[in-house]
Amino acid sequence: MRAGTLAISTLLALFCGCGYVGPVEPPSPQLPNAVVNLTAAERGDQIVITFSTPTRTTDNLAIKSFAEIDLRIGAVITPWDFNRWSAQAQQYLLPPPHPNDPDTPKPIPMTKSVPASEWAGKRIAIAVRTSIKKEGHYSSWSNVARLNVFTPLEPPTIELKSTAEGIRVSWPRQEEATSYRVFRQGPADKAPVELGTSDKPEYVDTKSQYDTPYTYTAVAVRGAAESLASKPAQITAVDVFPPKVPANVTAIAAPNSIELSWERSPDADLKGYYVYRSVNGGPFERQGDLITVPTYSDHAVEHGKSYQYAVTATDQKNNESAKSAIADVVY
């Protein structure tokens, strides 16, 4: 009896001492999520491909490091099939990035440049997949970037000229269907800032300021192909441009004067106006000092004489416009 009792006690102790055993979890397949932000563009004589690595596996485990980055480029096929395409595509193995923080993994930017001459004249497809195990456990293929590869575009040769409207950037026209992106770097800019695009071989920077040094560059664009940036050109514009000529000058005889009026100048740097007078067809002479309002009363008049008036506008740099149309009056 004692032996039997001891055996039963031992079994009870074993059962009571064991914790609950839950369902057995299958091992992680360790498959990274697919890359979703792959882009490609032709810049100069290179095809530049960019994307970011995924941070987690398909079962939401953090990815610490990658074993392989498999980038491929091949001709576009129809109908599209990843298996057929990848079998004939050219493989470019990228060096895996440095290990990530396993607790807070972040996407790691990746860039690969491929000579455009290898694919010139072709429509290509580009995709990438990753692996965190050397046994070839690849992610699904990324989004596909499709690209028409052109003969590399030549960088524009730009010239700068200061105009009344702003700084004019111009260059020789290239082939049809080519547009241009224009960049400017001012004293406060750490890098060139894109101003806009133009389908013509010129761009006028209407937001430039006088007496401020600027550096301009331009890039030719056709489809997804871009040239390298032009050689930088520098300019500091000087204001030598007068305001617009005053318009609609009128002269009316009053009892003791001749009253002049005209449209107010729209120029932001307007300083004022000068009035010129001719008596009985004689030479025009400036009347008094600069005035700041678009009206003038001429009291130095005599009955029986004819008077002609013209008005000019001047800016803060003392650039004076041409004379307005003449206003005639007989007093």
Protein backbone atom coordinates (compact mmCIF):
# COMPACT_ATOMS: atom_id res chain seq x y z
CA MET A 1 0.00 0.00 0.00
CA ARG A 2 2.73 2.42 0.84
CA ALA A 3 4.38 1.92 -2.56
CA GLY A 4 1.09 2.47 -4.39
CA THR A 5 0.27 5.52 -2.32
CA LEU A 6 3.71 7.00 -3.05
CA ALA A 7 3.30 6.50 -6.80
CA ILE A 8 -0.09 8.20 -6.81
CA SER A 9 1.25 11.11 -4.74
CA THR A 10 4.15 11.55 -7.14
CA LEU A 11 1.83 11.67 -10.15
CA LEU A 12 -0.44 14.22 -8.43
CA ALA A 13 2.56 16.36 -7.59
CA LEU A 14 3.71 16.31 -11.19
CA PHE A 15 0.29 17.30 -12.53
CA CYS A 16 -0.23 20.02 -9.93
CA GLY A 17 3.26 21.47 -10.43
CA CYS A 18 2.85 22.00 -14.19
CA GLY A 19 1.48 25.30 -15.58
CA TYR A 20 -1.13 25.54 -18.32
CA VAL A 21 0.23 24.63 -21.73
CA GLY A 22 -1.47 26.69 -24.48
CA PRO A 23 -1.69 25.93 -28.18
CA VAL A 24 1.63 25.55 -29.95
CA GLU A 25 2.51 28.66 -32.06
CA PRO A 26 3.91 27.91 -35.52
CA PRO A 27 7.34 29.44 -36.23
CA SER A 28 7.38 32.81 -38.00
CA PRO A 29 7.79 32.53 -41.80
CA GLN A 30 10.10 35.56 -41.55
CA LEU A 31 8.77 37.09 -44.75
CA PRO A 32 9.17 40.87 -44.99
CA ASN A 33 6.27 43.00 -46.10
CA ALA A 34 6.57 44.20 -49.68
CA VAL A 35 8.18 47.53 -50.59
CA VAL A 36 5.39 49.92 -51.60
CA ASN A 37 7.16 53.19 -52.53
CA LEU A 38 9.64 52.31 -55.27
CA THR A 39 10.21 55.13 -57.79
CA ALA A 40 12.49 55.52 -60.80
CA ALA A 41 13.54 58.47 -62.92
CA GLU A 42 16.11 59.06 -65.61
CA ARG A 43 18.50 61.83 -64.54
CA GLY A 44 21.31 62.66 -66.90
CA ASP A 45 22.94 59.40 -67.98
CA GLN A 46 21.64 57.44 -64.98
CA ILE A 47 18.40 55.70 -64.00
CA VAL A 48 17.95 56.60 -60.34
CA ILE A 49 15.84 54.16 -58.30
CA THR A 50 14.70 54.91 -54.76
CA PHE A 51 12.64 53.04 -52.15
CA SER A 52 12.49 52.36 -48.42
CA THR A 53 12.89 48.99 -46.74
CA PRO A 54 9.91 47.55 -44.83
CA THR A 55 10.02 47.59 -41.04
CA ARG A 56 8.01 44.45 -40.27
CA THR A 57 7.31 40.93 -41.46
CA THR A 58 3.98 39.70 -42.75
CA ASP A 59 3.19 38.45 -39.22
CA ASN A 60 4.09 41.87 -37.73
CA LEU A 61 7.50 41.05 -36.27
CA ALA A 62 10.08 43.85 -36.29
CA ILE A 63 12.83 43.45 -38.88
CA LYS A 64 16.29 44.00 -37.45
CA SER A 65 18.40 43.29 -40.54
CA PHE A 66 18.16 42.11 -44.14
CA ALA A 67 20.03 39.27 -45.82
CA GLU A 68 19.36 40.33 -49.40
CA ILE A 69 17.93 43.21 -51.47
CA ASP A 70 16.96 41.86 -54.90
CA LEU A 71 16.39 44.66 -57.44
CA ARG A 72 15.52 43.77 -61.03
CA ILE A 73 15.10 45.66 -64.27
CA GLY A 74 13.60 44.16 -67.40
CA ALA A 75 11.53 44.97 -70.44
CA VAL A 76 7.82 45.48 -69.84
CA ILE A 77 5.81 42.40 -70.87
CA THR A 78 2.12 42.07 -71.74
CA PRO A 79 0.16 40.57 -70.13
CA TRP A 80 2.08 41.31 -66.97
CA ASP A 81 3.37 38.32 -65.04
CA PHE A 82 5.97 38.63 -62.26
CA ASN A 83 7.33 35.12 -62.79
CA ARG A 84 7.94 35.52 -66.53
CA TRP A 85 9.25 39.07 -66.10
CA SER A 86 11.67 38.28 -63.24
CA ALA A 87 13.05 35.27 -65.13
CA GLN A 88 14.29 37.49 -67.96
CA ALA A 89 15.01 40.65 -65.93
CA GLN A 90 18.52 41.72 -65.02
CA GLN A 91 19.33 41.35 -61.34
CA TYR A 92 21.05 44.03 -59.30
CA LEU A 93 21.91 42.92 -55.76
CA LEU A 94 22.10 45.87 -53.38
CA PRO A 95 24.22 45.76 -50.22
CA PRO A 96 21.86 45.28 -47.25
CA PRO A 97 21.54 48.36 -45.04
CA HIS A 98 22.90 48.56 -41.52
CA PRO A 99 20.88 46.69 -38.86
CA ASN A 100 17.79 48.51 -37.62
CA ASP A 101 16.59 49.17 -34.08
CA PRO A 102 14.59 46.01 -33.22
CA ASP A 103 12.37 47.89 -30.78
CA THR A 104 11.43 50.85 -33.02
CA PRO A 105 12.41 49.89 -36.57
CA LYS A 106 12.27 52.67 -39.16
CA PRO A 107 12.18 52.54 -42.97
CA ILE A 108 15.69 52.81 -44.40
CA PRO A 109 16.02 54.83 -47.65
CA MET A 110 17.74 52.96 -50.46
CA THR A 111 19.08 54.35 -53.75
CA LYS A 112 20.50 52.61 -56.79
CA SER A 113 21.81 54.26 -59.99
CA VAL A 114 22.06 52.30 -63.21
CA PRO A 115 23.58 53.61 -66.48
CA ALA A 116 20.72 54.69 -68.76
CA SER A 117 22.74 53.60 -71.81
CA GLU A 118 22.05 49.97 -70.86
CA TRP A 119 18.32 50.51 -71.45
CA ALA A 120 18.16 53.42 -73.95
CA GLY A 121 15.18 53.25 -76.29
CA LYS A 122 13.33 50.66 -74.20
CA ARG A 123 10.30 50.67 -71.94
CA ILE A 124 11.37 48.98 -68.75
CA ALA A 125 9.83 47.73 -65.52
CA ILE A 126 11.60 47.92 -62.18
CA ALA A 127 10.73 46.07 -58.97
CA VAL A 128 12.45 44.94 -55.77
CA ARG A 129 12.00 42.30 -53.12
CA THR A 130 13.80 41.67 -49.83
CA SER A 131 14.81 38.76 -47.65
CA ILE A 132 15.81 38.47 -43.99
CA LYS A 133 16.89 34.82 -44.26
CA LYS A 134 19.66 33.58 -46.52
CA GLU A 135 17.59 30.59 -47.51
CA GLY A 136 15.68 32.76 -49.98
CA HIS A 137 12.54 33.61 -48.03
CA TYR A 138 11.67 36.61 -50.19
CA SER A 139 8.95 39.15 -49.73
CA SER A 140 6.41 39.71 -52.46
CA TRP A 141 7.56 41.96 -55.29
CA SER A 142 7.20 45.68 -54.73
CA ASN A 143 5.08 48.07 -56.72
CA VAL A 144 6.34 48.26 -60.31
CA ALA A 145 7.93 51.42 -61.72
CA ARG A 146 7.61 51.61 -65.51
CA LEU A 147 9.88 53.93 -67.45
CA ASN A 148 10.56 54.93 -71.05
CA VAL A 149 14.31 55.35 -71.26
CA PHE A 150 15.52 58.09 -73.63
CA THR A 151 18.89 59.05 -74.96
CA PRO A 152 20.28 61.17 -72.09
CA LEU A 153 19.13 64.81 -72.24
CA GLU A 154 21.75 67.53 -72.43
CA PRO A 155 21.77 70.07 -69.58
CA PRO A 156 20.47 73.48 -70.73
CA THR A 157 22.92 76.33 -71.19
CA ILE A 158 21.26 79.25 -69.44
CA GLU A 159 21.64 83.02 -69.75
CA LEU A 160 20.32 85.65 -67.34
CA LYS A 161 19.01 89.13 -68.06
CA SER A 162 17.44 91.73 -65.81
CA THR A 163 14.13 93.05 -67.15
CA ALA A 164 11.41 95.33 -65.85
CA GLU A 165 9.22 92.25 -65.14
CA GLY A 166 11.96 90.32 -63.33
CA ILE A 167 15.04 88.22 -64.06
CA ARG A 168 14.72 86.42 -67.38
CA VAL A 169 16.30 82.94 -67.56
CA SER A 170 16.69 81.66 -71.13
CA TRP A 171 18.33 78.75 -72.97
CA PRO A 172 18.44 77.25 -76.49
CA ARG A 173 15.40 75.14 -77.34
CA GLN A 174 15.96 71.39 -77.36
CA GLU A 175 13.83 68.64 -78.94
CA GLU A 176 10.05 68.82 -79.07
CA ALA A 177 8.08 67.70 -75.99
CA THR A 178 10.88 68.94 -73.74
CA SER A 179 9.99 71.13 -70.79
CA TYR A 180 12.24 72.78 -68.24
CA ARG A 181 12.41 73.14 -64.45
CA VAL A 182 13.98 76.33 -63.14
CA PHE A 183 15.70 76.65 -59.76
CA ARG A 184 16.93 79.68 -57.81
CA GLN A 185 19.17 79.98 -54.76
CA GLY A 186 19.21 83.24 -52.83
CA PRO A 187 21.30 84.40 -49.86
CA ALA A 188 18.94 82.77 -47.34
CA ASP A 189 18.57 79.45 -49.20
CA LYS A 190 20.69 76.47 -48.21
CA ALA A 191 19.89 74.71 -51.50
CA PRO A 192 18.31 75.64 -54.85
CA VAL A 193 14.54 76.11 -54.69
CA GLU A 194 12.34 75.19 -57.66
CA LEU A 195 10.56 78.25 -59.06
CA GLY A 196 8.41 76.55 -61.68
CA THR A 197 8.38 74.90 -65.10
CA SER A 198 8.25 76.20 -68.64
CA ASP A 199 7.44 74.66 -72.01
CA LYS A 200 9.26 77.57 -73.68
CA PRO A 201 13.01 78.20 -73.71
CA GLU A 202 12.66 80.94 -71.09
CA TYR A 203 11.30 81.71 -67.65
CA VAL A 204 10.80 85.12 -66.01
CA ASP A 205 11.31 85.23 -62.26
CA THR A 206 8.78 87.91 -61.31
CA LYS A 207 9.44 87.44 -57.58
CA SER A 208 13.11 88.38 -57.69
CA GLN A 209 14.31 91.46 -55.83
CA TYR A 210 16.71 94.15 -56.97
CA ASP A 211 20.16 94.38 -55.37
CA THR A 212 19.97 90.72 -54.26
CA PRO A 213 22.44 88.10 -55.56
CA TYR A 214 20.82 84.98 -57.04
CA THR A 215 22.13 81.76 -58.57
CA TYR A 216 19.97 80.02 -61.21
CA THR A 217 20.02 76.52 -62.70
CA ALA A 218 17.67 74.69 -65.07
CA VAL A 219 16.90 71.04 -65.85
CA ALA A 220 15.49 69.68 -69.12
CA VAL A 221 12.60 67.20 -68.75
CA ARG A 222 11.00 64.79 -71.23
CA GLY A 223 8.58 62.27 -69.76
CA ALA A 224 10.28 60.75 -66.71
CA ALA A 225 13.74 61.65 -68.06
CA GLU A 226 15.65 64.62 -66.69
CA SER A 227 18.97 66.15 -67.63
CA LEU A 228 21.58 67.04 -65.09
CA ALA A 229 21.32 70.58 -63.80
CA SER A 230 22.76 73.33 -65.95
CA LYS A 231 25.93 75.13 -65.04
CA PRO A 232 24.94 77.70 -62.38
CA ALA A 233 24.58 81.33 -63.49
CA GLN A 234 24.66 84.28 -61.11
CA ILE A 235 23.17 87.75 -61.26
CA THR A 236 22.45 90.74 -59.03
CA ALA A 237 19.74 92.80 -60.69
CA VAL A 238 19.97 96.59 -60.55
CA ASP A 239 16.85 98.72 -60.91
CA VAL A 240 17.34 100.83 -64.04
CA PHE A 241 13.73 100.48 -65.16
CA PRO A 242 11.39 103.48 -64.87
CA PRO A 243 7.74 103.20 -63.85
CA LYS A 244 4.98 102.97 -66.44
CA VAL A 245 4.14 106.13 -68.33
CA PRO A 246 1.20 107.96 -66.70
CA ALA A 247 -2.05 107.41 -68.60
CA ASN A 248 -5.18 109.44 -69.37
CA VAL A 249 -3.76 112.87 -68.61
CA THR A 250 -6.51 115.52 -68.86
CA ALA A 251 -6.30 119.33 -68.64
CA ILE A 252 -9.37 121.48 -67.87
CA ALA A 253 -9.49 125.28 -67.77
CA ALA A 254 -10.86 126.61 -64.47
CA PRO A 255 -11.58 130.27 -63.57
CA ASN A 256 -8.13 130.91 -62.13
CA SER A 257 -6.09 127.86 -63.16
CA ILE A 258 -5.72 124.86 -65.38
CA GLU A 259 -6.44 121.63 -63.53
CA LEU A 260 -4.57 118.45 -64.49
CA SER A 261 -5.31 114.86 -63.48
CA TRP A 262 -4.19 111.38 -64.56
CA GLU A 263 -4.39 107.74 -63.52
CA ARG A 264 -2.43 106.75 -60.44
CA SER A 265 0.66 104.68 -61.27
CA PRO A 266 0.44 100.98 -60.27
CA ASP A 267 4.20 100.62 -59.66
CA ALA A 268 5.05 99.54 -56.12
CA ASP A 269 8.27 101.59 -56.00
CA LEU A 270 6.71 104.81 -57.27
CA LYS A 271 8.23 107.95 -55.82
CA GLY A 272 6.13 110.60 -57.58
CA TYR A 273 5.40 112.61 -60.74
CA TYR A 274 6.81 115.52 -62.69
CA VAL A 275 4.65 117.87 -64.76
CA TYR A 276 5.98 119.43 -67.98
CA ARG A 277 4.37 122.41 -69.76
CA SER A 278 4.65 124.01 -73.18
CA VAL A 279 3.22 127.47 -73.88
CA ASN A 280 2.04 128.32 -77.40
CA GLY A 281 4.01 125.44 -78.87
CA GLY A 282 7.30 126.27 -77.17
CA PRO A 283 9.65 123.81 -75.45
CA PHE A 284 8.40 121.66 -72.59
CA GLU A 285 9.68 122.80 -69.20
CA ARG A 286 9.37 121.04 -65.85
CA GLN A 287 6.91 122.70 -63.48
CA GLY A 288 7.93 122.81 -59.83
CA ASP A 289 9.13 119.92 -57.73
CA LEU A 290 8.14 116.24 -57.52
CA ILE A 291 4.50 115.71 -56.58
CA THR A 292 3.10 112.55 -55.00
CA VAL A 293 -0.57 112.76 -56.03
CA PRO A 294 -1.98 112.37 -59.56
CA THR A 295 -3.28 115.96 -59.77
CA TYR A 296 -1.77 119.38 -60.46
CA SER A 297 -3.11 122.96 -60.44
CA ASP A 298 -1.35 125.40 -62.75
CA HIS A 299 -2.11 128.98 -61.61
CA ALA A 300 0.58 130.64 -63.73
CA VAL A 301 -1.63 130.89 -66.80
CA GLU A 302 -2.81 133.76 -69.01
CA HIS A 303 -5.93 134.13 -71.07
CA GLY A 304 -5.51 133.84 -74.80
CA LYS A 305 -2.60 131.38 -74.64
CA SER A 306 -2.54 127.67 -75.45
CA TYR A 307 -0.95 125.20 -73.06
CA GLN A 308 0.25 121.67 -73.51
CA TYR A 309 1.01 119.33 -70.62
CA ALA A 310 2.80 115.99 -70.22
CA VAL A 311 3.48 113.98 -67.06
CA THR A 312 6.25 111.55 -66.14
CA ALA A 313 6.55 109.06 -63.25
CA THR A 314 9.71 108.39 -61.25
CA ASP A 315 10.64 105.61 -58.81
CA GLN A 316 12.70 105.37 -55.64
CA LYS A 317 15.87 104.96 -57.70
CA ASN A 318 15.02 108.17 -59.60
CA ASN A 319 14.35 106.32 -62.82
CA GLU A 320 12.04 108.62 -64.77
CA SER A 321 9.53 107.37 -67.33
CA ALA A 322 8.94 108.82 -70.77
CA LYS A 323 6.44 111.66 -71.07
CA SER A 324 2.77 110.86 -71.23
CA ALA A 325 0.49 111.68 -74.13
CA ILE A 326 0.02 115.44 -74.41
CA ALA A 327 -3.04 117.17 -73.03
CA ASP A 328 -3.98 120.48 -74.81
CA VAL A 329 -6.02 123.36 -73.47
CA VAL A 330 -6.59 126.99 -74.52
CA TYR A 331 -7.06 129.27 -71.57
